[in-house]
Amino acid sequence: MKKVPLDIVALSHSVTQSHNYAVVLGEQDGVRRLPIVIGGFEAQAIAVAMERMTPNRPLTHDLFKDTLETFDIKLKEVIINNLLDGIFYARLICDKDGEEIEIDSRTSDALAMAVRFECPVYTYEFILDAAGVILEDNDDSIESSQPVKRQTKKEVKGVVGLAGNTIEELESMLSEVLGNEDYEKAAEIRDEIKKRNG
């Protein structure tokens, strides 16, 4: 079966399921998007790796990555290989001394690992046919039975009025929220610092 390469194009609140998020995957050579609803902790694990944040203590996915590397196991790719009753299934395709090893995984965990290993993510055509959505006129809005919207900076709870703070104050706030392991707020503060630094 031919594999379709995907990229993570958005991570946002799920409109249809409160307290959940959606990771939106886009095919590299097309306009289809694959929205997958995930939990808050899984969204945080993906966001931390995408933002290249370094938590004070390793998160579970960081620990698993370190464990694989300690035993010379390389994550080559992630495949979202099935969709049953609205649930996505994934496999971690690993390499150990030239031997290919497949590990069953929740899709959200597999994506968190893919970001950490910077490895490709694939799916199959039948999954995109069943759950994919097509963008209208290259717009970022997604039409589907489970709509997904991008999270705006103002929607992040607990971080308001960042524009009124100095860079030094923002850096101090960033250290504090990282110390509290509040990576959602940390991402918001880091975005504001990046915006100011050009």
C-alpha atoms as a PDB file:
ATOM      1  CA  MET A   1       0.000   0.000   0.000  1.00  0.00           C
ATOM      2  CA  LYS A   2       1.342   3.420  -0.971  1.00  0.00           C
ATOM      3  CA  LYS A   3       2.185   5.695   1.949  1.00  0.00           C
ATOM      4  CA  VAL A   4       1.103   9.346   1.902  1.00  0.00           C
ATOM      5  CA  PRO A   5       3.554  11.712   3.674  1.00  0.00           C
ATOM      6  CA  LEU A   6       2.048  14.170   6.170  1.00  0.00           C
ATOM      7  CA  ASP A   7       3.161  17.263   8.081  1.00  0.00           C
ATOM      8  CA  ILE A   8       1.730  18.722  11.290  1.00  0.00           C
ATOM      9  CA  VAL A   9       0.128  21.969  10.111  1.00  0.00           C
ATOM     10  CA  ALA A  10      -1.859  23.069  13.174  1.00  0.00           C
ATOM     11  CA  LEU A  11      -2.528  22.299  16.811  1.00  0.00           C
ATOM     12  CA  SER A  12      -5.735  23.845  18.111  1.00  0.00           C
ATOM     13  CA  HIS A  13      -8.712  23.567  20.440  1.00  0.00           C
ATOM     14  CA  SER A  14     -11.359  21.137  19.232  1.00  0.00           C
ATOM     15  CA  VAL A  15     -14.593  22.960  18.496  1.00  0.00           C
ATOM     16  CA  THR A  16     -16.708  19.824  18.835  1.00  0.00           C
ATOM     17  CA  GLN A  17     -15.152  18.382  21.995  1.00  0.00           C
ATOM     18  CA  SER A  18     -14.435  20.761  24.853  1.00  0.00           C
ATOM     19  CA  HIS A  19     -11.270  20.115  26.902  1.00  0.00           C
ATOM     20  CA  ASN A  20      -9.770  18.399  23.860  1.00  0.00           C
ATOM     21  CA  TYR A  21      -7.479  19.572  21.121  1.00  0.00           C
ATOM     22  CA  ALA A  22      -7.039  18.663  17.493  1.00  0.00           C
ATOM     23  CA  VAL A  23      -3.811  18.094  15.665  1.00  0.00           C
ATOM     24  CA  VAL A  24      -4.234  18.797  11.965  1.00  0.00           C
ATOM     25  CA  LEU A  25      -2.027  16.871   9.551  1.00  0.00           C
ATOM     26  CA  GLY A  26      -1.662  17.959   5.935  1.00  0.00           C
ATOM     27  CA  GLU A  27      -0.542  15.852   3.003  1.00  0.00           C
ATOM     28  CA  GLN A  28       2.735  17.178   1.622  1.00  0.00           C
ATOM     29  CA  ASP A  29       1.745  17.066  -2.034  1.00  0.00           C
ATOM     30  CA  GLY A  30      -1.924  17.995  -1.789  1.00  0.00           C
ATOM     31  CA  VAL A  31      -4.618  20.051  -0.100  1.00  0.00           C
ATOM     32  CA  ARG A  32      -6.219  17.413   2.103  1.00  0.00           C
ATOM     33  CA  ARG A  33      -6.060  17.749   5.872  1.00  0.00           C
ATOM     34  CA  LEU A  34      -6.497  15.048   8.491  1.00  0.00           C
ATOM     35  CA  PRO A  35      -7.835  16.443  11.808  1.00  0.00           C
ATOM     36  CA  ILE A  36      -7.329  14.134  14.802  1.00  0.00           C
ATOM     37  CA  VAL A  37      -8.854  14.905  18.210  1.00  0.00           C
ATOM     38  CA  ILE A  38      -6.389  14.404  21.060  1.00  0.00           C
ATOM     39  CA  GLY A  39      -6.265  15.129  24.785  1.00  0.00           C
ATOM     40  CA  GLY A  40      -4.725  18.148  26.454  1.00  0.00           C
ATOM     41  CA  PHE A  41      -1.665  16.310  27.803  1.00  0.00           C
ATOM     42  CA  GLU A  42      -0.914  14.841  24.383  1.00  0.00           C
ATOM     43  CA  ALA A  43      -1.326  18.276  22.771  1.00  0.00           C
ATOM     44  CA  GLN A  44       1.091  19.687  25.343  1.00  0.00           C
ATOM     45  CA  ALA A  45       3.614  16.919  24.591  1.00  0.00           C
ATOM     46  CA  ILE A  46       3.495  17.737  20.875  1.00  0.00           C
ATOM     47  CA  ALA A  47       3.636  21.518  21.437  1.00  0.00           C
ATOM     48  CA  VAL A  48       6.634  21.283  23.787  1.00  0.00           C
ATOM     49  CA  ALA A  49       8.643  19.390  21.169  1.00  0.00           C
ATOM     50  CA  MET A  50       7.535  21.631  18.294  1.00  0.00           C
ATOM     51  CA  GLU A  51       8.522  24.743  20.271  1.00  0.00           C
ATOM     52  CA  ARG A  52      11.824  23.075  21.256  1.00  0.00           C
ATOM     53  CA  MET A  53      11.215  23.792  24.935  1.00  0.00           C
ATOM     54  CA  THR A  54      13.342  22.077  27.543  1.00  0.00           C
ATOM     55  CA  PRO A  55      11.299  21.160  30.614  1.00  0.00           C
ATOM     56  CA  ASN A  56      12.974  20.967  34.025  1.00  0.00           C
ATOM     57  CA  ARG A  57      12.243  17.244  34.150  1.00  0.00           C
ATOM     58  CA  PRO A  58      11.782  14.949  31.150  1.00  0.00           C
ATOM     59  CA  LEU A  59       8.219  14.387  30.022  1.00  0.00           C
ATOM     60  CA  THR A  60       7.095  10.815  29.327  1.00  0.00           C
ATOM     61  CA  HIS A  61       7.814  11.116  25.599  1.00  0.00           C
ATOM     62  CA  ASP A  62      11.276  12.549  26.293  1.00  0.00           C
ATOM     63  CA  LEU A  63      11.952   9.627  28.620  1.00  0.00           C
ATOM     64  CA  PHE A  64      10.833   7.131  25.980  1.00  0.00           C
ATOM     65  CA  LYS A  65      13.026   8.832  23.351  1.00  0.00           C
ATOM     66  CA  ASP A  66      16.042   8.715  25.686  1.00  0.00           C
ATOM     67  CA  THR A  67      15.343   5.044  26.431  1.00  0.00           C
ATOM     68  CA  LEU A  68      15.177   4.122  22.743  1.00  0.00           C
ATOM     69  CA  GLU A  69      18.397   6.011  22.031  1.00  0.00           C
ATOM     70  CA  THR A  70      20.156   4.383  25.012  1.00  0.00           C
ATOM     71  CA  PHE A  71      19.442   0.980  23.458  1.00  0.00           C
ATOM     72  CA  ASP A  72      20.448   2.182  19.955  1.00  0.00           C
ATOM     73  CA  ILE A  73      16.911   2.013  18.615  1.00  0.00           C
ATOM     74  CA  LYS A  74      16.085   4.640  16.003  1.00  0.00           C
ATOM     75  CA  LEU A  75      12.546   5.752  15.209  1.00  0.00           C
ATOM     76  CA  LYS A  76      12.508   5.774  11.389  1.00  0.00           C
ATOM     77  CA  GLU A  77       8.891   6.752  10.748  1.00  0.00           C
ATOM     78  CA  VAL A  78       5.363   6.865  12.098  1.00  0.00           C
ATOM     79  CA  ILE A  79       2.472   5.382  10.157  1.00  0.00           C
ATOM     80  CA  ILE A  80      -1.166   6.144  10.908  1.00  0.00           C
ATOM     81  CA  ASN A  81      -2.242   2.756   9.651  1.00  0.00           C
ATOM     82  CA  ASN A  82      -5.908   2.324  10.478  1.00  0.00           C
ATOM     83  CA  LEU A  83      -9.182   4.035  11.320  1.00  0.00           C
ATOM     84  CA  LEU A  84     -11.864   2.010  13.104  1.00  0.00           C
ATOM     85  CA  ASP A  85     -15.060   3.451  14.569  1.00  0.00           C
ATOM     86  CA  GLY A  86     -13.606   6.958  14.465  1.00  0.00           C
ATOM     87  CA  ILE A  87     -10.388   5.943  16.275  1.00  0.00           C
ATOM     88  CA  PHE A  88      -7.022   6.350  14.547  1.00  0.00           C
ATOM     89  CA  TYR A  89      -4.323   3.708  15.029  1.00  0.00           C
ATOM     90  CA  ALA A  90      -0.606   4.189  14.529  1.00  0.00           C
ATOM     91  CA  ARG A  91       2.650   2.258  14.468  1.00  0.00           C
ATOM     92  CA  LEU A  92       6.175   3.332  15.345  1.00  0.00           C
ATOM     93  CA  ILE A  93       8.582   1.880  12.782  1.00  0.00           C
ATOM     94  CA  CYS A  94      11.948   1.474  14.510  1.00  0.00           C
ATOM     95  CA  ASP A  95      15.354   0.222  13.479  1.00  0.00           C
ATOM     96  CA  LYS A  96      17.608  -1.807  15.787  1.00  0.00           C
ATOM     97  CA  ASP A  97      20.874  -2.991  14.217  1.00  0.00           C
ATOM     98  CA  GLY A  98      19.267  -3.217  10.775  1.00  0.00           C
ATOM     99  CA  GLU A  99      16.192  -5.073  12.032  1.00  0.00           C
ATOM    100  CA  GLU A 100      12.837  -3.340  11.596  1.00  0.00           C
ATOM    101  CA  ILE A 101      10.619  -3.331  14.680  1.00  0.00           C
ATOM    102  CA  GLU A 102       6.986  -2.158  14.717  1.00  0.00           C
ATOM    103  CA  ILE A 103       5.437  -0.853  17.924  1.00  0.00           C
ATOM    104  CA  ASP A 104       1.695  -0.233  18.332  1.00  0.00           C
ATOM    105  CA  SER A 105       0.925   3.292  19.558  1.00  0.00           C
ATOM    106  CA  ARG A 106      -1.839   5.770  20.145  1.00  0.00           C
ATOM    107  CA  THR A 107      -1.700   8.263  17.296  1.00  0.00           C
ATOM    108  CA  SER A 108      -1.173  11.240  19.619  1.00  0.00           C
ATOM    109  CA  ASP A 109       1.807   9.528  21.285  1.00  0.00           C
ATOM    110  CA  ALA A 110       3.220   8.518  17.907  1.00  0.00           C
ATOM    111  CA  LEU A 111       3.074  12.133  16.719  1.00  0.00           C
ATOM    112  CA  ALA A 112       4.751  13.359  19.926  1.00  0.00           C
ATOM    113  CA  MET A 113       7.555  10.870  19.250  1.00  0.00           C
ATOM    114  CA  ALA A 114       7.806  11.807  15.546  1.00  0.00           C
ATOM    115  CA  VAL A 115       8.351  15.469  16.460  1.00  0.00           C
ATOM    116  CA  ARG A 116      11.095  14.508  18.922  1.00  0.00           C
ATOM    117  CA  PHE A 117      12.887  12.215  16.472  1.00  0.00           C
ATOM    118  CA  GLU A 118      12.202  14.543  13.516  1.00  0.00           C
ATOM    119  CA  CYS A 119      11.057  11.513  11.543  1.00  0.00           C
ATOM    120  CA  PRO A 120       8.444  11.385   8.762  1.00  0.00           C
ATOM    121  CA  VAL A 121       4.745  10.718   9.378  1.00  0.00           C
ATOM    122  CA  TYR A 122       2.685   8.746   6.859  1.00  0.00           C
ATOM    123  CA  THR A 123      -0.831   7.465   6.382  1.00  0.00           C
ATOM    124  CA  TYR A 124      -2.657   5.516   3.686  1.00  0.00           C
ATOM    125  CA  GLU A 125      -5.020   6.752   0.986  1.00  0.00           C
ATOM    126  CA  PHE A 126      -8.040   4.938   2.434  1.00  0.00           C
ATOM    127  CA  ILE A 127      -7.656   6.869   5.720  1.00  0.00           C
ATOM    128  CA  LEU A 128      -7.490  10.227   3.929  1.00  0.00           C
ATOM    129  CA  ASP A 129     -10.519   9.200   1.843  1.00  0.00           C
ATOM    130  CA  ALA A 130     -12.479   8.325   5.004  1.00  0.00           C
ATOM    131  CA  ALA A 131     -11.453  11.142   7.364  1.00  0.00           C
ATOM    132  CA  GLY A 132      -9.622  13.756   5.319  1.00  0.00           C
ATOM    133  CA  VAL A 133     -11.024  17.172   4.532  1.00  0.00           C
ATOM    134  CA  ILE A 134     -10.195  19.481   1.637  1.00  0.00           C
ATOM    135  CA  LEU A 135      -9.281  23.127   2.018  1.00  0.00           C
ATOM    136  CA  GLU A 136     -11.336  25.612   0.030  1.00  0.00           C
ATOM    137  CA  ASP A 137      -9.293  27.902  -2.242  1.00  0.00           C
ATOM    138  CA  ASN A 138      -6.095  27.415  -0.210  1.00  0.00           C
ATOM    139  CA  ASP A 139      -7.871  28.846   2.836  1.00  0.00           C
ATOM    140  CA  ASP A 140      -6.893  27.628   6.290  1.00  0.00           C
ATOM    141  CA  SER A 141     -10.504  26.976   7.259  1.00  0.00           C
ATOM    142  CA  ILE A 142     -11.425  23.314   7.398  1.00  0.00           C
ATOM    143  CA  GLU A 143     -14.755  21.892   6.323  1.00  0.00           C
ATOM    144  CA  SER A 144     -15.691  18.629   7.984  1.00  0.00           C
ATOM    145  CA  SER A 145     -18.244  17.045  10.226  1.00  0.00           C
ATOM    146  CA  GLN A 146     -15.826  17.743  13.088  1.00  0.00           C
ATOM    147  CA  PRO A 147     -14.604  21.293  12.436  1.00  0.00           C
ATOM    148  CA  VAL A 148     -11.253  22.368  13.785  1.00  0.00           C
ATOM    149  CA  LYS A 149     -10.126  25.932  14.318  1.00  0.00           C
ATOM    150  CA  ARG A 150      -6.704  27.351  15.004  1.00  0.00           C
ATOM    151  CA  GLN A 151      -6.134  28.506  18.546  1.00  0.00           C
ATOM    152  CA  THR A 152      -5.482  32.220  18.671  1.00  0.00           C
ATOM    153  CA  LYS A 153      -3.068  33.646  21.181  1.00  0.00           C
ATOM    154  CA  LYS A 154      -5.886  35.360  23.070  1.00  0.00           C
ATOM    155  CA  GLU A 155      -7.548  31.981  23.707  1.00  0.00           C
ATOM    156  CA  VAL A 156      -4.736  30.672  25.904  1.00  0.00           C
ATOM    157  CA  LYS A 157      -6.006  30.757  29.482  1.00  0.00           C
ATOM    158  CA  GLY A 158      -4.096  32.655  32.093  1.00  0.00           C
ATOM    159  CA  VAL A 159      -1.857  34.683  29.801  1.00  0.00           C
ATOM    160  CA  VAL A 160      -3.324  38.079  29.023  1.00  0.00           C
ATOM    161  CA  GLY A 161      -1.858  41.455  28.304  1.00  0.00           C
ATOM    162  CA  LEU A 162       1.609  40.214  27.329  1.00  0.00           C
ATOM    163  CA  ALA A 163       2.074  43.216  25.055  1.00  0.00           C
ATOM    164  CA  GLY A 164       2.363  45.461  28.104  1.00  0.00           C
ATOM    165  CA  ASN A 165       5.403  43.598  29.497  1.00  0.00           C
ATOM    166  CA  THR A 166       9.084  44.217  28.778  1.00  0.00           C
ATOM    167  CA  ILE A 167      11.279  41.510  27.286  1.00  0.00           C
ATOM    168  CA  GLU A 168      12.918  41.024  30.691  1.00  0.00           C
ATOM    169  CA  GLU A 169       9.514  40.582  32.346  1.00  0.00           C
ATOM    170  CA  LEU A 170       8.474  38.114  29.644  1.00  0.00           C
ATOM    171  CA  GLU A 171      11.673  36.087  30.119  1.00  0.00           C
ATOM    172  CA  SER A 172      11.066  36.021  33.863  1.00  0.00           C
ATOM    173  CA  MET A 173       7.474  34.885  33.303  1.00  0.00           C
ATOM    174  CA  LEU A 174       8.707  32.209  30.892  1.00  0.00           C
ATOM    175  CA  SER A 175      11.108  30.816  33.498  1.00  0.00           C
ATOM    176  CA  GLU A 176       8.340  30.770  36.091  1.00  0.00           C
ATOM    177  CA  VAL A 177       5.781  28.921  33.952  1.00  0.00           C
ATOM    178  CA  LEU A 178       8.409  26.435  32.757  1.00  0.00           C
ATOM    179  CA  GLY A 179       9.253  25.797  36.408  1.00  0.00           C
ATOM    180  CA  ASN A 180       5.562  25.085  37.001  1.00  0.00           C
ATOM    181  CA  GLU A 181       5.535  22.851  33.899  1.00  0.00           C
ATOM    182  CA  ASP A 182       2.776  24.932  32.315  1.00  0.00           C
ATOM    183  CA  TYR A 183       3.922  24.518  28.724  1.00  0.00           C
ATOM    184  CA  GLU A 184       0.801  25.974  27.175  1.00  0.00           C
ATOM    185  CA  LYS A 185       1.439  29.338  28.840  1.00  0.00           C
ATOM    186  CA  ALA A 186       5.141  29.018  28.066  1.00  0.00           C
ATOM    187  CA  ALA A 187       4.406  28.654  24.352  1.00  0.00           C
ATOM    188  CA  GLU A 188       2.314  31.829  24.432  1.00  0.00           C
ATOM    189  CA  ILE A 189       5.041  33.815  26.187  1.00  0.00           C
ATOM    190  CA  ARG A 190       7.729  32.446  23.876  1.00  0.00           C
ATOM    191  CA  ASP A 191       5.630  33.489  20.847  1.00  0.00           C
ATOM    192  CA  GLU A 192       5.446  37.042  22.194  1.00  0.00           C
ATOM    193  CA  ILE A 193       9.229  37.148  22.751  1.00  0.00           C
ATOM    194  CA  LYS A 194       9.884  35.826  19.224  1.00  0.00           C
ATOM    195  CA  LYS A 195       7.497  38.381  17.745  1.00  0.00           C
ATOM    196  CA  ARG A 196       9.381  41.227  19.414  1.00  0.00           C
ATOM    197  CA  ASN A 197      12.804  39.906  18.476  1.00  0.00           C
ATOM    198  CA  GLY A 198      11.679  39.849  14.868  1.00  0.00           C
END
